[in-house]
Amino acid sequence: MKNTDQLDALLRSLYLSSFVSNYKDFAEKAEKQKLGHINYLHELTHTECSERQRRRTERLINQAKLPRGKTLDGFDLTKQPTLSPGRLKELAEGNFIDQCENILIFGIPGAGKTHLASALAREWCLRGRRVFYATAALLVQELLMAKRDLRLNQLIKKLDRYEALLIDDISYIPYNREETDVLFVLLAERYEVRSVVITSNLVFSQWDTIFKDPMTTRAAIDRLVHHATILELNESYRQAEAKKRKKAKEEEKPPEN
């Protein structure tokens, strides 16, 4: 008992929690199956590495603050024929992040922009990437408060820890000049340094309603597009579902005499 207590303490001091939980059971298994010391150690170490990877992935997903339930398997590609399954698979790998490239997702309301962006971000977390999700409205307010408290640079450095920053619904609400200025500062700071994923209901020709000033609008677009993949979603999921429900109700009605 004393030896196992000491071993438990030593393993915990090395942060080998899976070793602590499994080494006794694995030892019994190894003895019964005559696995030998090397195979026993290999199985125990493999379990420790797998458990660490699982915990790390869980932390990354939690830190990303992604909307719940958004997965690529749950994204209906049949409603977006312009999207290639191969292209989405390639983007899900996350290699573009190493080149500090961006993804810009455009489409009408209800087309699934948030779902697609969040689902891709989840895939990146599963591959060990640090990402962060925020609605544009909330992010702008946080930037503005940071500027007023003289800690804007501090907040931008904090966001720089994330390899990909997902800004959802950049065109959802109108901003005043002070708000769009801090948003532009963030985008400029991440240019060719970190990746940005943006969803928008408005095409670029309408972005002057976001940034107000034509020069700022052009500068923002130039920085985002320079190294970017642009995805366009045309059909609205919500409209399609509404049509489906309407059709189902009509089919349920008894025929008129």
C-alpha atoms as a PDB file:
ATOM      1  CA  MET A   1       0.000   0.000   0.000  1.00  0.00           C
ATOM      2  CA  LYS A   2       2.805   2.372   0.912  1.00  0.00           C
ATOM      3  CA  ASN A   3       4.562   1.798  -2.416  1.00  0.00           C
ATOM      4  CA  THR A   4       1.405   2.447  -4.439  1.00  0.00           C
ATOM      5  CA  ASP A   5       0.660   5.594  -2.413  1.00  0.00           C
ATOM      6  CA  GLN A   6       4.139   6.885  -3.141  1.00  0.00           C
ATOM      7  CA  LEU A   7       3.807   5.950  -6.812  1.00  0.00           C
ATOM      8  CA  ASP A   8       0.456   7.732  -7.023  1.00  0.00           C
ATOM      9  CA  ALA A   9       2.004  10.842  -5.500  1.00  0.00           C
ATOM     10  CA  LEU A  10       4.966  10.731  -7.909  1.00  0.00           C
ATOM     11  CA  LEU A  11       2.685  10.287 -10.939  1.00  0.00           C
ATOM     12  CA  ARG A  12       0.482  13.179  -9.830  1.00  0.00           C
ATOM     13  CA  SER A  13       3.553  15.373  -9.369  1.00  0.00           C
ATOM     14  CA  LEU A  14       4.351  14.654 -13.034  1.00  0.00           C
ATOM     15  CA  TYR A  15       0.715  15.415 -14.008  1.00  0.00           C
ATOM     16  CA  LEU A  16       0.212  11.864 -15.279  1.00  0.00           C
ATOM     17  CA  SER A  17      -3.420  11.581 -14.220  1.00  0.00           C
ATOM     18  CA  SER A  18      -4.256   8.752 -16.627  1.00  0.00           C
ATOM     19  CA  PHE A  19      -1.311   6.751 -15.295  1.00  0.00           C
ATOM     20  CA  VAL A  20      -2.730   7.144 -11.792  1.00  0.00           C
ATOM     21  CA  SER A  21      -6.204   6.027 -12.900  1.00  0.00           C
ATOM     22  CA  ASN A  22      -5.126   3.077 -15.028  1.00  0.00           C
ATOM     23  CA  TYR A  23      -1.755   1.617 -14.084  1.00  0.00           C
ATOM     24  CA  LYS A  24      -3.156  -0.959 -11.624  1.00  0.00           C
ATOM     25  CA  ASP A  25      -5.845  -2.270 -14.006  1.00  0.00           C
ATOM     26  CA  PHE A  26      -3.407  -2.256 -16.913  1.00  0.00           C
ATOM     27  CA  ALA A  27      -0.861  -4.152 -14.823  1.00  0.00           C
ATOM     28  CA  GLU A  28      -3.396  -6.890 -14.096  1.00  0.00           C
ATOM     29  CA  LYS A  29      -4.329  -7.043 -17.760  1.00  0.00           C
ATOM     30  CA  ALA A  30      -0.682  -7.170 -18.825  1.00  0.00           C
ATOM     31  CA  GLU A  31      -0.025 -10.000 -16.401  1.00  0.00           C
ATOM     32  CA  LYS A  32      -3.011 -12.048 -17.567  1.00  0.00           C
ATOM     33  CA  GLN A  33      -2.199 -11.504 -21.265  1.00  0.00           C
ATOM     34  CA  LYS A  34       1.554 -11.792 -20.715  1.00  0.00           C
ATOM     35  CA  LEU A  35       2.126  -8.507 -22.557  1.00  0.00           C
ATOM     36  CA  GLY A  36       5.534  -7.769 -21.099  1.00  0.00           C
ATOM     37  CA  HIS A  37       6.844  -4.555 -19.586  1.00  0.00           C
ATOM     38  CA  ILE A  38       7.356  -2.662 -22.837  1.00  0.00           C
ATOM     39  CA  ASN A  39       3.853  -3.354 -24.157  1.00  0.00           C
ATOM     40  CA  TYR A  40       2.370  -2.533 -20.756  1.00  0.00           C
ATOM     41  CA  LEU A  41       4.176   0.805 -20.685  1.00  0.00           C
ATOM     42  CA  HIS A  42       3.234   1.520 -24.296  1.00  0.00           C
ATOM     43  CA  GLU A  43      -0.478   0.927 -23.645  1.00  0.00           C
ATOM     44  CA  LEU A  44      -0.409   3.051 -20.507  1.00  0.00           C
ATOM     45  CA  THR A  45       1.431   5.894 -22.269  1.00  0.00           C
ATOM     46  CA  HIS A  46      -0.899   5.757 -25.265  1.00  0.00           C
ATOM     47  CA  THR A  47      -3.890   6.116 -22.944  1.00  0.00           C
ATOM     48  CA  GLU A  48      -2.271   9.097 -21.204  1.00  0.00           C
ATOM     49  CA  CYS A  49      -1.612  10.834 -24.547  1.00  0.00           C
ATOM     50  CA  SER A  50      -5.143  10.153 -25.800  1.00  0.00           C
ATOM     51  CA  GLU A  51      -6.678  11.500 -22.621  1.00  0.00           C
ATOM     52  CA  ARG A  52      -4.505  14.627 -22.750  1.00  0.00           C
ATOM     53  CA  GLN A  53      -5.547  15.215 -26.354  1.00  0.00           C
ATOM     54  CA  ARG A  54      -9.214  14.798 -25.413  1.00  0.00           C
ATOM     55  CA  ARG A  55      -8.918  17.286 -22.551  1.00  0.00           C
ATOM     56  CA  ARG A  56      -7.033  19.774 -24.715  1.00  0.00           C
ATOM     57  CA  THR A  57      -9.658  19.578 -27.451  1.00  0.00           C
ATOM     58  CA  GLU A  58     -12.408  20.060 -24.882  1.00  0.00           C
ATOM     59  CA  ARG A  59     -10.636  23.152 -23.515  1.00  0.00           C
ATOM     60  CA  LEU A  60     -10.173  24.607 -26.984  1.00  0.00           C
ATOM     61  CA  ILE A  61     -13.854  24.166 -27.846  1.00  0.00           C
ATOM     62  CA  ASN A  62     -14.937  25.705 -24.538  1.00  0.00           C
ATOM     63  CA  GLN A  63     -12.551  28.648 -24.941  1.00  0.00           C
ATOM     64  CA  ALA A  64     -13.761  29.249 -28.498  1.00  0.00           C
ATOM     65  CA  LYS A  65     -17.264  30.153 -27.217  1.00  0.00           C
ATOM     66  CA  LEU A  66     -18.846  28.617 -30.314  1.00  0.00           C
ATOM     67  CA  PRO A  67     -22.622  28.380 -30.732  1.00  0.00           C
ATOM     68  CA  ARG A  68     -23.768  24.928 -29.658  1.00  0.00           C
ATOM     69  CA  GLY A  69     -24.793  22.204 -32.044  1.00  0.00           C
ATOM     70  CA  LYS A  70     -23.111  23.593 -35.171  1.00  0.00           C
ATOM     71  CA  THR A  71     -21.275  20.797 -36.978  1.00  0.00           C
ATOM     72  CA  LEU A  72     -20.292  20.144 -40.578  1.00  0.00           C
ATOM     73  CA  ASP A  73     -22.338  16.939 -40.540  1.00  0.00           C
ATOM     74  CA  GLY A  74     -25.369  19.041 -39.655  1.00  0.00           C
ATOM     75  CA  PHE A  75     -24.808  21.527 -42.484  1.00  0.00           C
ATOM     76  CA  ASP A  76     -27.028  20.702 -45.461  1.00  0.00           C
ATOM     77  CA  LEU A  77     -24.813  21.095 -48.514  1.00  0.00           C
ATOM     78  CA  THR A  78     -27.663  20.173 -50.854  1.00  0.00           C
ATOM     79  CA  LYS A  79     -29.174  23.603 -50.205  1.00  0.00           C
ATOM     80  CA  GLN A  80     -25.938  25.333 -51.228  1.00  0.00           C
ATOM     81  CA  PRO A  81     -24.923  23.832 -54.600  1.00  0.00           C
ATOM     82  CA  THR A  82     -22.186  26.445 -55.098  1.00  0.00           C
ATOM     83  CA  LEU A  83     -20.226  24.970 -52.175  1.00  0.00           C
ATOM     84  CA  SER A  84     -17.878  22.118 -52.975  1.00  0.00           C
ATOM     85  CA  PRO A  85     -17.640  19.299 -50.385  1.00  0.00           C
ATOM     86  CA  GLY A  86     -13.966  18.969 -51.276  1.00  0.00           C
ATOM     87  CA  ARG A  87     -13.356  22.654 -50.665  1.00  0.00           C
ATOM     88  CA  LEU A  88     -15.089  22.545 -47.291  1.00  0.00           C
ATOM     89  CA  LYS A  89     -13.046  19.503 -46.310  1.00  0.00           C
ATOM     90  CA  GLU A  90      -9.894  21.366 -47.279  1.00  0.00           C
ATOM     91  CA  LEU A  91     -10.910  24.413 -45.220  1.00  0.00           C
ATOM     92  CA  ALA A  92     -11.775  22.170 -42.267  1.00  0.00           C
ATOM     93  CA  GLU A  93      -8.162  20.976 -42.191  1.00  0.00           C
ATOM     94  CA  GLY A  94      -7.194  24.531 -41.218  1.00  0.00           C
ATOM     95  CA  ASN A  95      -3.965  24.739 -43.198  1.00  0.00           C
ATOM     96  CA  PHE A  96      -4.896  28.245 -44.382  1.00  0.00           C
ATOM     97  CA  ILE A  97      -4.361  29.392 -40.797  1.00  0.00           C
ATOM     98  CA  ASP A  98      -0.626  28.779 -41.134  1.00  0.00           C
ATOM     99  CA  GLN A  99      -0.586  31.301 -44.003  1.00  0.00           C
ATOM    100  CA  CYS A 100      -2.660  33.799 -41.963  1.00  0.00           C
ATOM    101  CA  GLU A 101      -5.352  33.767 -44.628  1.00  0.00           C
ATOM    102  CA  ASN A 102      -9.015  34.705 -44.122  1.00  0.00           C
ATOM    103  CA  ILE A 103     -12.433  33.242 -44.873  1.00  0.00           C
ATOM    104  CA  LEU A 104     -15.299  35.562 -45.826  1.00  0.00           C
ATOM    105  CA  ILE A 105     -18.805  34.080 -45.876  1.00  0.00           C
ATOM    106  CA  PHE A 106     -21.585  36.057 -47.589  1.00  0.00           C
ATOM    107  CA  GLY A 107     -25.256  35.264 -47.918  1.00  0.00           C
ATOM    108  CA  ILE A 108     -28.812  36.320 -47.270  1.00  0.00           C
ATOM    109  CA  PRO A 109     -30.258  36.002 -43.742  1.00  0.00           C
ATOM    110  CA  GLY A 110     -31.005  32.386 -42.858  1.00  0.00           C
ATOM    111  CA  ALA A 111     -28.571  30.899 -45.377  1.00  0.00           C
ATOM    112  CA  GLY A 112     -26.479  29.182 -42.703  1.00  0.00           C
ATOM    113  CA  LYS A 113     -23.478  31.513 -42.505  1.00  0.00           C
ATOM    114  CA  THR A 114     -23.136  31.251 -38.728  1.00  0.00           C
ATOM    115  CA  HIS A 115     -23.625  27.493 -38.850  1.00  0.00           C
ATOM    116  CA  LEU A 116     -20.938  27.019 -41.484  1.00  0.00           C
ATOM    117  CA  ALA A 117     -18.414  29.336 -39.829  1.00  0.00           C
ATOM    118  CA  SER A 118     -18.958  27.780 -36.402  1.00  0.00           C
ATOM    119  CA  ALA A 119     -18.790  24.243 -37.783  1.00  0.00           C
ATOM    120  CA  LEU A 120     -15.476  24.966 -39.485  1.00  0.00           C
ATOM    121  CA  ALA A 121     -14.144  26.574 -36.307  1.00  0.00           C
ATOM    122  CA  ARG A 122     -15.091  23.456 -34.350  1.00  0.00           C
ATOM    123  CA  GLU A 123     -13.106  21.341 -36.811  1.00  0.00           C
ATOM    124  CA  TRP A 124     -10.078  23.560 -36.235  1.00  0.00           C
ATOM    125  CA  CYS A 125     -10.421  23.103 -32.472  1.00  0.00           C
ATOM    126  CA  LEU A 126     -10.450  19.336 -33.014  1.00  0.00           C
ATOM    127  CA  ARG A 127      -7.147  19.769 -34.825  1.00  0.00           C
ATOM    128  CA  GLY A 128      -5.605  21.682 -31.939  1.00  0.00           C
ATOM    129  CA  ARG A 129      -6.152  25.230 -33.198  1.00  0.00           C
ATOM    130  CA  ARG A 130      -6.969  28.152 -30.906  1.00  0.00           C
ATOM    131  CA  VAL A 131     -10.016  30.011 -32.241  1.00  0.00           C
ATOM    132  CA  PHE A 132     -12.512  32.475 -30.801  1.00  0.00           C
ATOM    133  CA  TYR A 133     -16.087  33.303 -31.797  1.00  0.00           C
ATOM    134  CA  ALA A 134     -17.854  36.610 -31.181  1.00  0.00           C
ATOM    135  CA  THR A 135     -20.727  38.472 -32.742  1.00  0.00           C
ATOM    136  CA  ALA A 136     -19.573  41.700 -34.349  1.00  0.00           C
ATOM    137  CA  ALA A 137     -21.900  43.714 -32.120  1.00  0.00           C
ATOM    138  CA  LEU A 138     -20.452  42.292 -28.896  1.00  0.00           C
ATOM    139  CA  LEU A 139     -16.861  42.438 -30.130  1.00  0.00           C
ATOM    140  CA  VAL A 140     -17.166  46.083 -31.170  1.00  0.00           C
ATOM    141  CA  GLN A 141     -18.546  47.028 -27.766  1.00  0.00           C
ATOM    142  CA  GLU A 142     -15.693  45.241 -26.004  1.00  0.00           C
ATOM    143  CA  LEU A 143     -13.159  47.023 -28.214  1.00  0.00           C
ATOM    144  CA  LEU A 144     -14.833  50.352 -27.560  1.00  0.00           C
ATOM    145  CA  MET A 145     -14.823  49.852 -23.795  1.00  0.00           C
ATOM    146  CA  ALA A 146     -11.184  48.799 -23.936  1.00  0.00           C
ATOM    147  CA  LYS A 147     -10.314  51.975 -25.839  1.00  0.00           C
ATOM    148  CA  ARG A 148     -12.103  54.133 -23.278  1.00  0.00           C
ATOM    149  CA  ASP A 149     -10.204  52.360 -20.483  1.00  0.00           C
ATOM    150  CA  LEU A 150      -6.887  52.812 -22.343  1.00  0.00           C
ATOM    151  CA  ARG A 151      -6.402  49.066 -22.744  1.00  0.00           C
ATOM    152  CA  LEU A 152      -7.232  48.579 -26.437  1.00  0.00           C
ATOM    153  CA  ASN A 153      -3.736  47.313 -27.218  1.00  0.00           C
ATOM    154  CA  GLN A 154      -4.010  44.879 -24.325  1.00  0.00           C
ATOM    155  CA  LEU A 155      -7.285  43.463 -25.671  1.00  0.00           C
ATOM    156  CA  ILE A 156      -5.906  43.169 -29.201  1.00  0.00           C
ATOM    157  CA  LYS A 157      -2.878  41.286 -27.845  1.00  0.00           C
ATOM    158  CA  LYS A 158      -5.227  38.973 -25.963  1.00  0.00           C
ATOM    159  CA  LEU A 159      -7.151  38.267 -29.174  1.00  0.00           C
ATOM    160  CA  ASP A 160      -3.843  37.703 -30.950  1.00  0.00           C
ATOM    161  CA  ARG A 161      -3.486  34.489 -28.940  1.00  0.00           C
ATOM    162  CA  TYR A 162      -6.209  33.031 -31.144  1.00  0.00           C
ATOM    163  CA  GLU A 163      -5.046  31.777 -34.513  1.00  0.00           C
ATOM    164  CA  ALA A 164      -8.463  32.428 -36.049  1.00  0.00           C
ATOM    165  CA  LEU A 165     -10.966  35.065 -34.938  1.00  0.00           C
ATOM    166  CA  LEU A 166     -14.558  34.468 -36.076  1.00  0.00           C
ATOM    167  CA  ILE A 167     -16.545  37.728 -36.347  1.00  0.00           C
ATOM    168  CA  ASP A 168     -20.182  36.881 -36.939  1.00  0.00           C
ATOM    169  CA  ASP A 169     -22.764  39.195 -38.535  1.00  0.00           C
ATOM    170  CA  ILE A 170     -20.452  42.123 -39.254  1.00  0.00           C
ATOM    171  CA  SER A 171     -23.315  43.847 -41.092  1.00  0.00           C
ATOM    172  CA  TYR A 172     -26.052  43.044 -38.608  1.00  0.00           C
ATOM    173  CA  ILE A 173     -26.392  46.489 -37.023  1.00  0.00           C
ATOM    174  CA  PRO A 174     -25.267  49.971 -38.077  1.00  0.00           C
ATOM    175  CA  TYR A 175     -22.208  51.265 -36.232  1.00  0.00           C
ATOM    176  CA  ASN A 176     -21.111  54.802 -35.495  1.00  0.00           C
ATOM    177  CA  ARG A 177     -17.722  56.069 -36.576  1.00  0.00           C
ATOM    178  CA  GLU A 178     -16.047  55.490 -33.214  1.00  0.00           C
ATOM    179  CA  GLU A 179     -17.154  51.845 -33.209  1.00  0.00           C
ATOM    180  CA  THR A 180     -16.030  51.131 -36.749  1.00  0.00           C
ATOM    181  CA  ASP A 181     -12.668  52.766 -36.064  1.00  0.00           C
ATOM    182  CA  VAL A 182     -11.816  50.263 -33.327  1.00  0.00           C
ATOM    183  CA  LEU A 183     -13.033  47.401 -35.533  1.00  0.00           C
ATOM    184  CA  PHE A 184     -10.753  48.597 -38.314  1.00  0.00           C
ATOM    185  CA  VAL A 185      -7.810  48.798 -35.894  1.00  0.00           C
ATOM    186  CA  LEU A 186      -8.382  45.153 -34.942  1.00  0.00           C
ATOM    187  CA  LEU A 187      -8.573  44.023 -38.578  1.00  0.00           C
ATOM    188  CA  ALA A 188      -5.451  46.015 -39.452  1.00  0.00           C
ATOM    189  CA  GLU A 189      -3.519  44.499 -36.548  1.00  0.00           C
ATOM    190  CA  ARG A 190      -4.411  40.955 -37.622  1.00  0.00           C
ATOM    191  CA  TYR A 191      -3.561  41.571 -41.295  1.00  0.00           C
ATOM    192  CA  GLU A 192      -1.010  38.942 -42.434  1.00  0.00           C
ATOM    193  CA  VAL A 193      -0.443  38.023 -38.771  1.00  0.00           C
ATOM    194  CA  ARG A 194      -3.549  36.049 -37.808  1.00  0.00           C
ATOM    195  CA  SER A 195      -6.601  34.704 -39.616  1.00  0.00           C
ATOM    196  CA  VAL A 196     -10.059  36.254 -39.586  1.00  0.00           C
ATOM    197  CA  VAL A 197     -13.367  34.579 -40.451  1.00  0.00           C
ATOM    198  CA  ILE A 198     -16.202  37.002 -41.174  1.00  0.00           C
ATOM    199  CA  THR A 199     -19.868  36.460 -41.988  1.00  0.00           C
ATOM    200  CA  SER A 200     -21.919  39.196 -43.629  1.00  0.00           C
ATOM    201  CA  ASN A 201     -25.340  39.774 -45.134  1.00  0.00           C
ATOM    202  CA  LEU A 202     -23.907  42.615 -47.225  1.00  0.00           C
ATOM    203  CA  VAL A 203     -21.685  42.296 -50.281  1.00  0.00           C
ATOM    204  CA  PHE A 204     -18.570  44.477 -50.450  1.00  0.00           C
ATOM    205  CA  SER A 205     -20.298  47.174 -52.506  1.00  0.00           C
ATOM    206  CA  GLN A 206     -22.543  47.823 -49.494  1.00  0.00           C
ATOM    207  CA  TRP A 207     -19.820  47.903 -46.850  1.00  0.00           C
ATOM    208  CA  ASP A 208     -19.769  51.694 -46.889  1.00  0.00           C
ATOM    209  CA  THR A 209     -22.823  51.385 -44.608  1.00  0.00           C
ATOM    210  CA  ILE A 210     -20.572  49.604 -42.098  1.00  0.00           C
ATOM    211  CA  PHE A 211     -17.387  51.682 -42.140  1.00  0.00           C
ATOM    212  CA  LYS A 212     -19.006  54.976 -43.235  1.00  0.00           C
ATOM    213  CA  ASP A 213     -15.800  56.492 -44.640  1.00  0.00           C
ATOM    214  CA  PRO A 214     -14.994  55.348 -48.239  1.00  0.00           C
ATOM    215  CA  MET A 215     -11.232  55.221 -47.606  1.00  0.00           C
ATOM    216  CA  THR A 216     -11.639  53.130 -44.461  1.00  0.00           C
ATOM    217  CA  THR A 217     -14.055  50.843 -46.291  1.00  0.00           C
ATOM    218  CA  ARG A 218     -11.578  50.253 -49.122  1.00  0.00           C
ATOM    219  CA  ALA A 219      -8.695  49.722 -46.710  1.00  0.00           C
ATOM    220  CA  ALA A 220     -10.688  47.182 -44.671  1.00  0.00           C
ATOM    221  CA  ILE A 221     -11.776  45.274 -47.778  1.00  0.00           C
ATOM    222  CA  ASP A 222      -8.255  45.288 -49.239  1.00  0.00           C
ATOM    223  CA  ARG A 223      -6.790  43.793 -46.060  1.00  0.00           C
ATOM    224  CA  LEU A 224      -9.461  41.121 -45.774  1.00  0.00           C
ATOM    225  CA  VAL A 225      -9.499  40.084 -49.432  1.00  0.00           C
ATOM    226  CA  HIS A 226      -5.735  40.087 -50.025  1.00  0.00           C
ATOM    227  CA  HIS A 227      -5.403  36.535 -48.684  1.00  0.00           C
ATOM    228  CA  ALA A 228      -8.929  35.186 -48.515  1.00  0.00           C
ATOM    229  CA  THR A 229     -11.346  32.454 -49.490  1.00  0.00           C
ATOM    230  CA  ILE A 230     -14.800  33.842 -50.277  1.00  0.00           C
ATOM    231  CA  LEU A 231     -17.844  31.620 -49.837  1.00  0.00           C
ATOM    232  CA  GLU A 232     -21.311  32.659 -51.004  1.00  0.00           C
ATOM    233  CA  LEU A 233     -24.497  31.109 -49.620  1.00  0.00           C
ATOM    234  CA  ASN A 234     -27.532  31.953 -51.681  1.00  0.00           C
ATOM    235  CA  GLU A 235     -30.498  29.969 -50.405  1.00  0.00           C
ATOM    236  CA  SER A 236     -32.078  30.673 -47.039  1.00  0.00           C
ATOM    237  CA  TYR A 237     -32.586  27.649 -44.792  1.00  0.00           C
ATOM    238  CA  ARG A 238     -35.371  29.429 -42.948  1.00  0.00           C
ATOM    239  CA  GLN A 239     -37.214  30.285 -46.155  1.00  0.00           C
ATOM    240  CA  ALA A 240     -36.786  26.730 -47.425  1.00  0.00           C
ATOM    241  CA  GLU A 241     -38.129  25.288 -44.159  1.00  0.00           C
ATOM    242  CA  ALA A 242     -41.075  27.713 -44.217  1.00  0.00           C
ATOM    243  CA  LYS A 243     -41.946  26.626 -47.763  1.00  0.00           C
ATOM    244  CA  LYS A 244     -41.661  22.974 -46.748  1.00  0.00           C
ATOM    245  CA  ARG A 245     -43.998  23.465 -43.778  1.00  0.00           C
ATOM    246  CA  LYS A 246     -46.489  25.388 -45.912  1.00  0.00           C
ATOM    247  CA  LYS A 247     -46.490  22.650 -48.527  1.00  0.00           C
ATOM    248  CA  ALA A 248     -46.978  19.971 -45.847  1.00  0.00           C
ATOM    249  CA  LYS A 249     -49.960  21.832 -44.390  1.00  0.00           C
ATOM    250  CA  GLU A 250     -51.531  22.222 -47.827  1.00  0.00           C
ATOM    251  CA  GLU A 251     -51.132  18.505 -48.464  1.00  0.00           C
ATOM    252  CA  GLU A 252     -52.788  17.721 -45.125  1.00  0.00           C
ATOM    253  CA  LYS A 253     -55.932  19.723 -45.990  1.00  0.00           C
ATOM    254  CA  PRO A 254     -58.886  17.561 -47.021  1.00  0.00           C
ATOM    255  CA  PRO A 255     -59.981  18.061 -50.634  1.00  0.00           C
ATOM    256  CA  GLU A 256     -62.789  20.552 -51.097  1.00  0.00           C
ATOM    257  CA  ASN A 257     -66.117  19.228 -52.354  1.00  0.00           C
END
